[in-house]
Amino acid sequence: MPLYKSISVNSQTTVKIWKIKESYDDLLNPLNLKPQSLERVLGMKSELHQRGFLSVRHLLREFGYTDQDLYYDANGKPHLKDGKHISITHSFTFSGVIVSDKEVGIDIEKQRDKIGIIAKKFVDYEFDYLDKTSEDYIRKLTIIWGIKESLYKLFATPGMLFKDHFLVIPFMLEDVSTVAWIDYKSKKYRYNTAFLEFEEFTCAYVVP
């Protein structure tokens, strides 16, 4: 089974990443999905999304959980029945899960030039330190997006905007970590963030 990477963030927090190589049937057959999950995966139009969904259930097994241990709230945020915190992501041929005693968020994104086209939709403060002519511009944008997406998943609060309410402190690619802030409704929250790159993908995750 292609568990691609396992990261021990701290004593309470672990990240696991899966490289999706298996066929849909090979992913589905070993799993015992609850009816809602089976209905959901059968309703997906893209096999890529189906395989991403199923690979996340294999990651759950790597943590010692099953599909029955996972549920979603009204905002679509995943939870575990034992009270631990979880965040989930999948993008093309990779998926990731982070589990912790604290609120967490994770995101995996494929590094693509088109993120430069939509940068104005999610970047504001960060333009102060980004160099659009730099060869690492797309990579840095992808990290910023991944961090903000992870923050959004952690908070799961309708009305939050990447551009207006989240900011990422300046970083270098070799830093592999930085600090991010949420500034929302007169309250400020600080988060430690980390990022890694592999096979033209970027994974970012945040912990309080």
N, C-alpha and C. Protein backbone atom coordinates (compact mmCIF):
# COMPACT_ATOMS: atom_id res chain seq x y z
N MET A 1 0.85 -1.20 0.00
CA MET A 1 0.00 0.00 0.00
C MET A 1 0.89 1.25 0.00
N PRO A 2 0.57 2.23 -0.83
CA PRO A 2 1.50 3.36 -0.99
C PRO A 2 1.31 4.49 0.03
N LEU A 3 1.58 4.18 1.30
CA LEU A 3 1.72 5.28 2.26
C LEU A 3 3.00 6.00 1.87
N TYR A 4 2.85 7.23 1.41
CA TYR A 4 3.97 7.96 0.81
C TYR A 4 4.87 8.59 1.86
N LYS A 5 4.25 9.12 2.91
CA LYS A 5 5.02 9.84 3.91
C LYS A 5 4.24 9.91 5.22
N SER A 6 4.95 9.79 6.33
CA SER A 6 4.35 9.97 7.65
C SER A 6 5.21 10.95 8.41
N ILE A 7 4.59 11.99 8.96
CA ILE A 7 5.31 13.06 9.65
C ILE A 7 4.79 13.18 11.07
N SER A 8 5.68 13.05 12.02
CA SER A 8 5.32 13.27 13.42
C SER A 8 5.57 14.75 13.72
N VAL A 9 4.50 15.53 13.72
CA VAL A 9 4.61 16.98 13.91
C VAL A 9 5.01 17.29 15.34
N ASN A 10 4.32 16.67 16.27
CA ASN A 10 4.66 16.73 17.69
C ASN A 10 4.02 15.52 18.36
N SER A 11 4.11 15.44 19.66
CA SER A 11 3.63 14.23 20.34
C SER A 11 2.13 14.02 20.20
N GLN A 12 1.40 15.07 19.85
CA GLN A 12 -0.06 14.96 19.71
C GLN A 12 -0.56 14.99 18.26
N THR A 13 0.35 15.19 17.30
CA THR A 13 -0.08 15.48 15.94
C THR A 13 0.73 14.69 14.91
N THR A 14 0.03 14.03 13.99
CA THR A 14 0.68 13.26 12.92
C THR A 14 0.04 13.56 11.58
N VAL A 15 0.86 13.67 10.55
CA VAL A 15 0.42 13.83 9.17
C VAL A 15 0.78 12.56 8.40
N LYS A 16 -0.16 12.06 7.61
CA LYS A 16 0.14 10.93 6.72
C LYS A 16 -0.32 11.29 5.30
N ILE A 17 0.53 10.98 4.34
CA ILE A 17 0.27 11.30 2.93
C ILE A 17 0.28 10.00 2.11
N TRP A 18 -0.68 9.90 1.20
CA TRP A 18 -0.87 8.70 0.38
C TRP A 18 -0.65 9.07 -1.09
N LYS A 19 0.12 8.26 -1.78
CA LYS A 19 0.24 8.41 -3.24
C LYS A 19 -0.73 7.43 -3.88
N ILE A 20 -1.66 7.96 -4.64
CA ILE A 20 -2.77 7.15 -5.16
C ILE A 20 -2.34 6.46 -6.45
N LYS A 21 -1.98 5.19 -6.33
CA LYS A 21 -1.56 4.39 -7.49
C LYS A 21 -2.59 3.32 -7.85
N GLU A 22 -3.42 2.96 -6.87
CA GLU A 22 -4.33 1.83 -7.08
C GLU A 22 -5.51 2.19 -7.97
N SER A 23 -6.11 1.17 -8.51
CA SER A 23 -7.36 1.36 -9.26
C SER A 23 -8.50 1.61 -8.28
N TYR A 24 -9.61 2.06 -8.81
CA TYR A 24 -10.81 2.28 -7.99
C TYR A 24 -11.21 1.00 -7.26
N ASP A 25 -11.24 -0.12 -7.98
CA ASP A 25 -11.67 -1.38 -7.37
C ASP A 25 -10.70 -1.84 -6.29
N ASP A 26 -9.41 -1.68 -6.53
CA ASP A 26 -8.43 -2.11 -5.53
C ASP A 26 -8.51 -1.27 -4.25
N LEU A 27 -8.90 -0.02 -4.41
CA LEU A 27 -9.09 0.84 -3.24
C LEU A 27 -10.38 0.50 -2.50
N LEU A 28 -11.43 0.23 -3.26
CA LEU A 28 -12.75 0.01 -2.67
C LEU A 28 -12.86 -1.33 -1.94
N ASN A 29 -12.33 -2.39 -2.54
CA ASN A 29 -12.59 -3.75 -2.05
C ASN A 29 -12.22 -3.99 -0.59
N PRO A 30 -11.09 -3.50 -0.08
CA PRO A 30 -10.75 -3.80 1.32
C PRO A 30 -11.53 -2.98 2.34
N LEU A 31 -12.30 -1.99 1.88
CA LEU A 31 -12.93 -1.05 2.80
C LEU A 31 -14.34 -1.49 3.18
N ASN A 32 -14.71 -1.14 4.41
CA ASN A 32 -16.08 -1.33 4.88
C ASN A 32 -16.69 0.07 5.04
N LEU A 33 -17.32 0.56 3.97
CA LEU A 33 -17.87 1.92 4.00
C LEU A 33 -19.28 1.92 4.57
N LYS A 34 -19.59 2.96 5.33
CA LYS A 34 -20.97 3.11 5.78
C LYS A 34 -21.83 3.54 4.59
N PRO A 35 -23.13 3.30 4.65
CA PRO A 35 -24.00 3.55 3.48
C PRO A 35 -23.87 4.96 2.91
N GLN A 36 -23.78 5.98 3.77
CA GLN A 36 -23.67 7.36 3.28
C GLN A 36 -22.40 7.56 2.46
N SER A 37 -21.30 6.94 2.91
CA SER A 37 -20.03 7.08 2.20
C SER A 37 -20.08 6.36 0.86
N LEU A 38 -20.66 5.18 0.85
CA LEU A 38 -20.77 4.43 -0.40
C LEU A 38 -21.63 5.19 -1.40
N GLU A 39 -22.73 5.76 -0.93
CA GLU A 39 -23.61 6.55 -1.80
C GLU A 39 -22.86 7.76 -2.35
N ARG A 40 -22.06 8.37 -1.48
CA ARG A 40 -21.31 9.55 -1.90
C ARG A 40 -20.27 9.21 -2.97
N VAL A 41 -19.53 8.14 -2.76
CA VAL A 41 -18.47 7.79 -3.72
C VAL A 41 -19.07 7.32 -5.05
N LEU A 42 -20.19 6.62 -4.99
CA LEU A 42 -20.83 6.17 -6.23
C LEU A 42 -21.42 7.33 -7.02
N GLY A 43 -21.73 8.43 -6.32
CA GLY A 43 -22.30 9.59 -6.98
C GLY A 43 -21.28 10.52 -7.61
N MET A 44 -20.00 10.26 -7.36
CA MET A 44 -18.94 11.12 -7.93
C MET A 44 -18.76 10.83 -9.42
N LYS A 45 -18.69 11.89 -10.21
CA LYS A 45 -18.59 11.72 -11.66
C LYS A 45 -17.16 11.42 -12.12
N SER A 46 -16.19 11.82 -11.31
CA SER A 46 -14.79 11.65 -11.68
C SER A 46 -14.18 10.48 -10.91
N GLU A 47 -13.52 9.57 -11.64
CA GLU A 47 -12.85 8.46 -10.96
C GLU A 47 -11.68 8.97 -10.12
N LEU A 48 -11.08 10.07 -10.55
CA LEU A 48 -9.99 10.68 -9.78
C LEU A 48 -10.47 11.10 -8.40
N HIS A 49 -11.68 11.69 -8.36
CA HIS A 49 -12.26 12.07 -7.06
C HIS A 49 -12.63 10.84 -6.24
N GLN A 50 -13.16 9.82 -6.91
CA GLN A 50 -13.52 8.59 -6.21
C GLN A 50 -12.29 7.97 -5.55
N ARG A 51 -11.19 7.90 -6.30
CA ARG A 51 -9.97 7.30 -5.78
C ARG A 51 -9.38 8.15 -4.66
N GLY A 52 -9.52 9.48 -4.77
CA GLY A 52 -9.07 10.35 -3.70
C GLY A 52 -9.86 10.12 -2.42
N PHE A 53 -11.16 10.03 -2.57
CA PHE A 53 -12.06 9.78 -1.43
C PHE A 53 -11.70 8.46 -0.76
N LEU A 54 -11.51 7.42 -1.56
CA LEU A 54 -11.22 6.09 -1.01
C LEU A 54 -9.83 6.03 -0.37
N SER A 55 -8.86 6.73 -0.99
CA SER A 55 -7.51 6.72 -0.42
C SER A 55 -7.49 7.35 0.97
N VAL A 56 -8.35 8.35 1.18
CA VAL A 56 -8.46 8.95 2.51
C VAL A 56 -8.91 7.90 3.53
N ARG A 57 -9.81 7.01 3.12
CA ARG A 57 -10.27 5.95 4.04
C ARG A 57 -9.14 4.97 4.35
N HIS A 58 -8.23 4.78 3.39
CA HIS A 58 -7.06 3.95 3.67
C HIS A 58 -6.12 4.67 4.65
N LEU A 59 -6.02 5.98 4.51
CA LEU A 59 -5.21 6.74 5.48
C LEU A 59 -5.82 6.65 6.88
N LEU A 60 -7.14 6.68 6.96
CA LEU A 60 -7.80 6.51 8.26
C LEU A 60 -7.36 5.18 8.89
N ARG A 61 -7.29 4.14 8.08
CA ARG A 61 -6.88 2.82 8.58
C ARG A 61 -5.45 2.86 9.10
N GLU A 62 -4.59 3.67 8.45
CA GLU A 62 -3.22 3.82 8.91
C GLU A 62 -3.17 4.44 10.32
N PHE A 63 -4.18 5.24 10.64
CA PHE A 63 -4.28 5.84 11.97
C PHE A 63 -5.01 4.93 12.96
N GLY A 64 -5.54 3.82 12.48
CA GLY A 64 -6.29 2.92 13.35
C GLY A 64 -7.78 3.19 13.38
N TYR A 65 -8.27 4.00 12.43
CA TYR A 65 -9.70 4.32 12.35
C TYR A 65 -10.34 3.61 11.16
N THR A 66 -11.66 3.65 11.12
CA THR A 66 -12.40 3.17 9.96
C THR A 66 -13.33 4.30 9.49
N ASP A 67 -13.98 4.05 8.39
CA ASP A 67 -14.93 5.03 7.86
C ASP A 67 -16.04 5.33 8.87
N GLN A 68 -16.37 4.35 9.69
CA GLN A 68 -17.43 4.52 10.70
C GLN A 68 -17.03 5.52 11.80
N ASP A 69 -15.73 5.75 11.96
CA ASP A 69 -15.26 6.66 13.00
C ASP A 69 -15.31 8.13 12.56
N LEU A 70 -15.61 8.35 11.29
CA LEU A 70 -15.56 9.70 10.72
C LEU A 70 -16.97 10.22 10.47
N TYR A 71 -17.20 11.49 10.83
CA TYR A 71 -18.47 12.13 10.49
C TYR A 71 -18.23 13.60 10.19
N TYR A 72 -19.21 14.25 9.56
CA TYR A 72 -19.08 15.65 9.15
C TYR A 72 -20.17 16.49 9.80
N ASP A 73 -19.81 17.74 10.19
CA ASP A 73 -20.81 18.63 10.77
C ASP A 73 -21.53 19.42 9.68
N ALA A 74 -22.39 20.35 10.10
CA ALA A 74 -23.22 21.10 9.15
C ALA A 74 -22.39 21.96 8.20
N ASN A 75 -21.18 22.34 8.62
CA ASN A 75 -20.31 23.15 7.76
C ASN A 75 -19.39 22.30 6.89
N GLY A 76 -19.57 20.97 6.95
CA GLY A 76 -18.75 20.09 6.14
C GLY A 76 -17.40 19.77 6.74
N LYS A 77 -17.22 20.11 8.01
CA LYS A 77 -15.94 19.84 8.66
C LYS A 77 -15.92 18.41 9.21
N PRO A 78 -14.84 17.66 8.93
CA PRO A 78 -14.78 16.28 9.43
C PRO A 78 -14.44 16.22 10.92
N HIS A 79 -14.96 15.20 11.58
CA HIS A 79 -14.68 14.96 13.00
C HIS A 79 -14.49 13.46 13.22
N LEU A 80 -13.79 13.13 14.29
CA LEU A 80 -13.63 11.74 14.70
C LEU A 80 -14.44 11.49 15.97
N LYS A 81 -15.03 10.32 16.05
CA LYS A 81 -15.93 10.03 17.17
C LYS A 81 -15.21 9.99 18.51
N ASP A 82 -13.89 9.75 18.51
CA ASP A 82 -13.18 9.70 19.78
C ASP A 82 -12.77 11.08 20.28
N GLY A 83 -13.13 12.14 19.53
CA GLY A 83 -12.86 13.50 19.99
C GLY A 83 -11.56 14.09 19.47
N LYS A 84 -10.72 13.29 18.84
CA LYS A 84 -9.51 13.85 18.25
C LYS A 84 -9.89 14.70 17.04
N HIS A 85 -9.01 15.63 16.69
CA HIS A 85 -9.27 16.53 15.57
C HIS A 85 -8.63 16.00 14.30
N ILE A 86 -9.31 16.20 13.17
CA ILE A 86 -8.85 15.67 11.90
C ILE A 86 -9.08 16.69 10.80
N SER A 87 -8.19 16.69 9.82
CA SER A 87 -8.40 17.45 8.59
C SER A 87 -7.95 16.58 7.43
N ILE A 88 -8.61 16.77 6.28
CA ILE A 88 -8.47 15.86 5.14
C ILE A 88 -8.23 16.66 3.87
N THR A 89 -7.43 16.11 2.97
CA THR A 89 -7.21 16.76 1.68
C THR A 89 -6.89 15.72 0.62
N HIS A 90 -7.26 16.00 -0.63
CA HIS A 90 -6.72 15.20 -1.74
C HIS A 90 -6.68 16.06 -3.00
N SER A 91 -5.66 15.81 -3.79
CA SER A 91 -5.43 16.57 -5.03
C SER A 91 -4.78 15.65 -6.05
N PHE A 92 -5.50 15.36 -7.11
CA PHE A 92 -4.99 14.51 -8.19
C PHE A 92 -4.52 13.17 -7.63
N THR A 93 -3.21 12.94 -7.55
CA THR A 93 -2.70 11.62 -7.18
C THR A 93 -2.16 11.56 -5.75
N PHE A 94 -2.48 12.55 -4.93
CA PHE A 94 -2.06 12.52 -3.53
C PHE A 94 -3.23 12.87 -2.61
N SER A 95 -3.22 12.24 -1.45
CA SER A 95 -4.19 12.61 -0.41
C SER A 95 -3.44 12.71 0.91
N GLY A 96 -4.03 13.43 1.86
CA GLY A 96 -3.39 13.61 3.15
C GLY A 96 -4.39 13.72 4.27
N VAL A 97 -3.99 13.28 5.45
CA VAL A 97 -4.81 13.39 6.65
C VAL A 97 -3.90 13.83 7.80
N ILE A 98 -4.37 14.76 8.60
CA ILE A 98 -3.69 15.15 9.83
C ILE A 98 -4.63 14.88 11.00
N VAL A 99 -4.10 14.26 12.05
CA VAL A 99 -4.87 13.95 13.25
C VAL A 99 -4.12 14.52 14.45
N SER A 100 -4.86 15.16 15.36
CA SER A 100 -4.21 15.81 16.49
C SER A 100 -5.16 15.92 17.67
N ASP A 101 -4.58 16.20 18.83
CA ASP A 101 -5.39 16.52 20.01
C ASP A 101 -5.94 17.95 19.93
N LYS A 102 -5.39 18.76 19.00
CA LYS A 102 -5.80 20.14 18.85
C LYS A 102 -6.41 20.37 17.45
N GLU A 103 -7.07 21.51 17.29
CA GLU A 103 -7.64 21.87 15.99
C GLU A 103 -6.52 21.97 14.95
N VAL A 104 -6.73 21.40 13.79
CA VAL A 104 -5.69 21.38 12.76
C VAL A 104 -6.33 21.55 11.38
N GLY A 105 -5.50 21.84 10.39
CA GLY A 105 -5.95 21.91 9.00
C GLY A 105 -4.82 21.47 8.09
N ILE A 106 -5.17 20.88 6.94
CA ILE A 106 -4.18 20.41 5.98
C ILE A 106 -4.68 20.63 4.56
N ASP A 107 -3.74 20.85 3.64
CA ASP A 107 -4.11 20.99 2.23
C ASP A 107 -2.96 20.50 1.36
N ILE A 108 -3.29 19.83 0.28
CA ILE A 108 -2.32 19.45 -0.75
C ILE A 108 -2.77 20.07 -2.06
N GLU A 109 -1.85 20.70 -2.77
CA GLU A 109 -2.15 21.34 -4.05
C GLU A 109 -1.09 20.98 -5.09
N LYS A 110 -1.52 20.78 -6.31
CA LYS A 110 -0.58 20.62 -7.42
C LYS A 110 -0.05 22.00 -7.81
N GLN A 111 1.25 22.09 -8.02
CA GLN A 111 1.85 23.37 -8.40
C GLN A 111 1.55 23.65 -9.87
N ARG A 112 0.74 24.69 -10.12
CA ARG A 112 0.34 25.01 -11.50
C ARG A 112 0.41 26.50 -11.74
N ASP A 113 0.80 26.87 -12.94
CA ASP A 113 0.98 28.29 -13.27
C ASP A 113 -0.31 29.08 -13.13
N LYS A 114 -1.45 28.44 -13.29
CA LYS A 114 -2.72 29.18 -13.29
C LYS A 114 -3.03 29.81 -11.94
N ILE A 115 -2.32 29.38 -10.88
CA ILE A 115 -2.55 30.02 -9.58
C ILE A 115 -2.15 31.49 -9.62
N GLY A 116 -1.21 31.82 -10.53
CA GLY A 116 -0.81 33.22 -10.67
C GLY A 116 -1.94 34.10 -11.19
N ILE A 117 -2.85 33.50 -11.95
CA ILE A 117 -3.97 34.24 -12.53
C ILE A 117 -4.98 34.63 -11.45
N ILE A 118 -5.15 33.75 -10.47
CA ILE A 118 -6.16 34.00 -9.42
C ILE A 118 -5.55 34.57 -8.14
N ALA A 119 -4.25 34.90 -8.17
CA ALA A 119 -3.57 35.34 -6.95
C ALA A 119 -4.27 36.51 -6.27
N LYS A 120 -4.80 37.44 -7.05
CA LYS A 120 -5.44 38.63 -6.46
C LYS A 120 -6.67 38.27 -5.65
N LYS A 121 -7.21 37.08 -5.85
CA LYS A 121 -8.40 36.68 -5.11
C LYS A 121 -8.09 36.20 -3.70
N PHE A 122 -6.83 35.78 -3.45
CA PHE A 122 -6.53 35.26 -2.12
C PHE A 122 -5.29 35.89 -1.48
N VAL A 123 -4.61 36.77 -2.21
CA VAL A 123 -3.40 37.41 -1.68
C VAL A 123 -3.62 38.91 -1.55
N ASP A 124 -3.20 39.48 -0.42
CA ASP A 124 -3.21 40.93 -0.23
C ASP A 124 -1.89 41.33 0.42
N TYR A 125 -1.80 41.20 1.73
CA TYR A 125 -0.59 41.54 2.46
C TYR A 125 0.65 40.85 1.86
N GLU A 126 0.49 39.60 1.44
CA GLU A 126 1.64 38.80 0.99
C GLU A 126 2.30 39.36 -0.27
N PHE A 127 1.59 40.18 -1.05
CA PHE A 127 2.21 40.79 -2.24
C PHE A 127 3.37 41.70 -1.84
N ASP A 128 3.39 42.16 -0.58
CA ASP A 128 4.48 43.02 -0.13
C ASP A 128 5.83 42.33 -0.16
N TYR A 129 5.82 41.01 -0.01
CA TYR A 129 7.10 40.29 -0.01
C TYR A 129 7.26 39.31 -1.18
N LEU A 130 6.25 39.13 -1.98
CA LEU A 130 6.35 38.25 -3.15
C LEU A 130 6.98 38.99 -4.32
N ASP A 131 7.80 38.29 -5.09
CA ASP A 131 8.42 38.84 -6.30
C ASP A 131 7.85 38.09 -7.50
N LYS A 132 7.00 38.77 -8.26
CA LYS A 132 6.33 38.12 -9.39
C LYS A 132 7.30 37.67 -10.48
N THR A 133 8.50 38.23 -10.50
CA THR A 133 9.47 37.87 -11.53
C THR A 133 10.38 36.71 -11.07
N SER A 134 10.23 36.32 -9.83
CA SER A 134 11.08 35.25 -9.29
C SER A 134 10.65 33.89 -9.83
N GLU A 135 11.63 33.02 -10.01
CA GLU A 135 11.31 31.68 -10.51
C GLU A 135 10.56 30.84 -9.47
N ASP A 136 10.58 31.27 -8.21
CA ASP A 136 9.85 30.52 -7.19
C ASP A 136 8.49 31.14 -6.85
N TYR A 137 8.04 32.09 -7.67
CA TYR A 137 6.78 32.79 -7.42
C TYR A 137 5.59 31.82 -7.33
N ILE A 138 5.47 30.91 -8.28
CA ILE A 138 4.34 29.96 -8.29
C ILE A 138 4.41 29.04 -7.10
N ARG A 139 5.61 28.61 -6.76
CA ARG A 139 5.76 27.71 -5.60
C ARG A 139 5.35 28.42 -4.31
N LYS A 140 5.75 29.69 -4.18
CA LYS A 140 5.38 30.44 -2.97
C LYS A 140 3.87 30.72 -2.92
N LEU A 141 3.29 31.05 -4.06
CA LEU A 141 1.84 31.25 -4.11
C LEU A 141 1.10 29.98 -3.69
N THR A 142 1.60 28.84 -4.14
CA THR A 142 0.95 27.57 -3.81
C THR A 142 1.04 27.29 -2.31
N ILE A 143 2.16 27.64 -1.71
CA ILE A 143 2.31 27.49 -0.25
C ILE A 143 1.32 28.39 0.48
N ILE A 144 1.22 29.64 0.03
CA ILE A 144 0.30 30.59 0.67
C ILE A 144 -1.14 30.10 0.55
N TRP A 145 -1.51 29.65 -0.64
CA TRP A 145 -2.86 29.10 -0.82
C TRP A 145 -3.08 27.91 0.12
N GLY A 146 -2.11 27.00 0.17
CA GLY A 146 -2.25 25.81 1.01
C GLY A 146 -2.41 26.15 2.48
N ILE A 147 -1.65 27.14 2.94
CA ILE A 147 -1.76 27.57 4.34
C ILE A 147 -3.13 28.18 4.61
N LYS A 148 -3.58 29.04 3.70
CA LYS A 148 -4.89 29.69 3.91
C LYS A 148 -6.03 28.68 3.80
N GLU A 149 -5.90 27.74 2.89
CA GLU A 149 -6.92 26.69 2.78
C GLU A 149 -6.95 25.86 4.07
N SER A 150 -5.78 25.57 4.62
CA SER A 150 -5.71 24.82 5.88
C SER A 150 -6.34 25.59 7.02
N LEU A 151 -6.11 26.91 7.08
CA LEU A 151 -6.73 27.74 8.10
C LEU A 151 -8.25 27.72 7.95
N TYR A 152 -8.71 27.81 6.71
CA TYR A 152 -10.16 27.82 6.47
C TYR A 152 -10.79 26.50 6.93
N LYS A 153 -10.10 25.41 6.63
CA LYS A 153 -10.61 24.10 7.04
C LYS A 153 -10.65 23.98 8.57
N LEU A 154 -9.64 24.54 9.22
CA LEU A 154 -9.59 24.48 10.68
C LEU A 154 -10.76 25.24 11.29
N PHE A 155 -11.01 26.44 10.79
CA PHE A 155 -12.06 27.28 11.36
C PHE A 155 -13.45 26.90 10.86
N ALA A 156 -13.55 26.54 9.58
CA ALA A 156 -14.84 26.13 8.99
C ALA A 156 -15.95 27.10 9.36
N THR A 157 -15.67 28.39 9.16
CA THR A 157 -16.64 29.43 9.52
C THR A 157 -17.09 30.18 8.28
N PRO A 158 -18.36 30.08 7.88
CA PRO A 158 -18.84 30.81 6.71
C PRO A 158 -18.61 32.31 6.88
N GLY A 159 -18.16 32.96 5.82
CA GLY A 159 -17.91 34.40 5.87
C GLY A 159 -16.44 34.75 5.91
N MET A 160 -15.60 33.80 6.26
CA MET A 160 -14.16 34.06 6.25
C MET A 160 -13.64 34.11 4.82
N LEU A 161 -12.77 35.09 4.54
CA LEU A 161 -12.21 35.26 3.20
C LEU A 161 -10.69 35.15 3.26
N PHE A 162 -10.13 34.39 2.32
CA PHE A 162 -8.68 34.17 2.29
C PHE A 162 -7.93 35.51 2.24
N LYS A 163 -8.42 36.41 1.41
CA LYS A 163 -7.70 37.66 1.16
C LYS A 163 -7.82 38.63 2.33
N ASP A 164 -8.98 38.68 2.94
CA ASP A 164 -9.26 39.70 3.96
C ASP A 164 -8.93 39.28 5.38
N HIS A 165 -9.04 37.99 5.68
CA HIS A 165 -8.97 37.56 7.07
C HIS A 165 -7.77 36.69 7.42
N PHE A 166 -7.03 36.20 6.41
CA PHE A 166 -5.87 35.35 6.67
C PHE A 166 -4.62 36.04 6.16
N LEU A 167 -3.53 35.96 6.92
CA LEU A 167 -2.27 36.47 6.39
C LEU A 167 -1.12 35.55 6.79
N VAL A 168 -0.18 35.44 5.86
CA VAL A 168 0.96 34.54 6.02
C VAL A 168 2.23 35.37 6.14
N ILE A 169 2.97 35.18 7.21
CA ILE A 169 4.20 35.93 7.48
C ILE A 169 5.27 35.54 6.43
N PRO A 170 6.14 36.49 6.03
CA PRO A 170 7.17 36.18 5.02
C PRO A 170 7.98 34.94 5.36
N PHE A 171 8.35 34.20 4.32
CA PHE A 171 9.08 32.94 4.50
C PHE A 171 10.00 32.71 3.31
N MET A 172 10.96 31.85 3.50
CA MET A 172 11.80 31.34 2.42
C MET A 172 11.42 29.89 2.17
N LEU A 173 11.61 29.42 0.96
CA LEU A 173 11.24 28.04 0.65
C LEU A 173 11.98 27.05 1.55
N GLU A 174 13.23 27.37 1.86
CA GLU A 174 14.02 26.45 2.68
C GLU A 174 13.61 26.47 4.15
N ASP A 175 12.78 27.45 4.54
CA ASP A 175 12.33 27.52 5.93
C ASP A 175 11.46 26.33 6.32
N VAL A 176 10.67 25.85 5.37
CA VAL A 176 9.66 24.79 5.54
C VAL A 176 8.66 25.06 6.66
N SER A 177 8.63 26.29 7.17
CA SER A 177 7.61 26.65 8.16
C SER A 177 7.50 28.17 8.21
N THR A 178 6.36 28.63 8.71
CA THR A 178 6.17 30.06 8.94
C THR A 178 5.02 30.22 9.93
N VAL A 179 4.61 31.46 10.13
CA VAL A 179 3.50 31.75 11.04
C VAL A 179 2.37 32.38 10.23
N ALA A 180 1.15 32.06 10.56
CA ALA A 180 -0.01 32.67 9.91
C ALA A 180 -0.95 33.22 10.97
N TRP A 181 -1.72 34.21 10.56
CA TRP A 181 -2.67 34.85 11.47
C TRP A 181 -4.06 34.85 10.84
N ILE A 182 -5.06 34.71 11.70
CA ILE A 182 -6.43 34.97 11.32
C ILE A 182 -6.86 36.24 12.03
N ASP A 183 -7.35 37.20 11.28
CA ASP A 183 -7.85 38.46 11.83
C ASP A 183 -9.32 38.55 11.43
N TYR A 184 -10.20 38.21 12.36
CA TYR A 184 -11.62 38.05 12.02
C TYR A 184 -12.49 38.55 13.16
N LYS A 185 -13.37 39.48 12.82
CA LYS A 185 -14.33 40.02 13.79
C LYS A 185 -13.64 40.49 15.08
N SER A 186 -12.61 41.32 14.89
CA SER A 186 -11.88 41.96 15.99
C SER A 186 -11.09 40.99 16.86
N LYS A 187 -10.94 39.76 16.39
CA LYS A 187 -10.13 38.79 17.13
C LYS A 187 -8.97 38.33 16.26
N LYS A 188 -7.81 38.09 16.89
CA LYS A 188 -6.64 37.63 16.17
C LYS A 188 -6.21 36.27 16.72
N TYR A 189 -5.89 35.37 15.81
CA TYR A 189 -5.46 34.03 16.19
C TYR A 189 -4.15 33.73 15.47
N ARG A 190 -3.18 33.17 16.19
CA ARG A 190 -1.87 32.87 15.63
C ARG A 190 -1.71 31.36 15.45
N TYR A 191 -1.15 30.97 14.32
CA TYR A 191 -0.96 29.55 14.03
C TYR A 191 0.44 29.28 13.52
N ASN A 192 1.01 28.16 13.95
CA ASN A 192 2.24 27.67 13.36
C ASN A 192 1.89 26.87 12.11
N THR A 193 2.65 27.08 11.07
CA THR A 193 2.38 26.38 9.82
C THR A 193 3.65 25.71 9.33
N ALA A 194 3.48 24.65 8.56
CA ALA A 194 4.62 23.98 7.93
C ALA A 194 4.23 23.60 6.51
N PHE A 195 5.23 23.44 5.67
CA PHE A 195 4.95 23.06 4.29
C PHE A 195 6.08 22.18 3.75
N LEU A 196 5.73 21.34 2.80
CA LEU A 196 6.72 20.51 2.13
C LEU A 196 6.32 20.35 0.68
N GLU A 197 7.30 20.09 -0.17
CA GLU A 197 7.07 19.93 -1.60
C GLU A 197 7.55 18.56 -2.05
N PHE A 198 6.80 17.95 -2.97
CA PHE A 198 7.18 16.64 -3.49
C PHE A 198 6.50 16.43 -4.84
N GLU A 199 7.25 16.00 -5.82
CA GLU A 199 6.71 15.62 -7.14
C GLU A 199 5.78 16.70 -7.72
N GLU A 200 6.19 17.96 -7.58
CA GLU A 200 5.43 19.12 -8.08
C GLU A 200 4.08 19.30 -7.37
N PHE A 201 4.01 18.84 -6.14
CA PHE A 201 2.87 19.10 -5.26
C PHE A 201 3.37 19.83 -4.03
N THR A 202 2.47 20.52 -3.35
CA THR A 202 2.78 21.20 -2.10
C THR A 202 1.78 20.77 -1.05
N CYS A 203 2.28 20.42 0.11
CA CYS A 203 1.42 20.13 1.26
C CYS A 203 1.69 21.18 2.33
N ALA A 204 0.64 21.75 2.88
CA ALA A 204 0.75 22.69 3.99
C ALA A 204 -0.18 22.25 5.09
N TYR A 205 0.22 22.49 6.33
CA TYR A 205 -0.67 22.19 7.45
C TYR A 205 -0.46 23.21 8.56
N VAL A 206 -1.48 23.40 9.38
CA VAL A 206 -1.44 24.39 10.45
C VAL A 206 -1.88 23.77 11.77
N VAL A 207 -1.22 24.22 12.84
CA VAL A 207 -1.58 23.82 14.20
C VAL A 207 -1.53 25.06 15.08
N PRO A 208 -2.37 25.16 16.10
CA PRO A 208 -2.36 26.33 16.97
C PRO A 208 -1.00 26.49 17.68
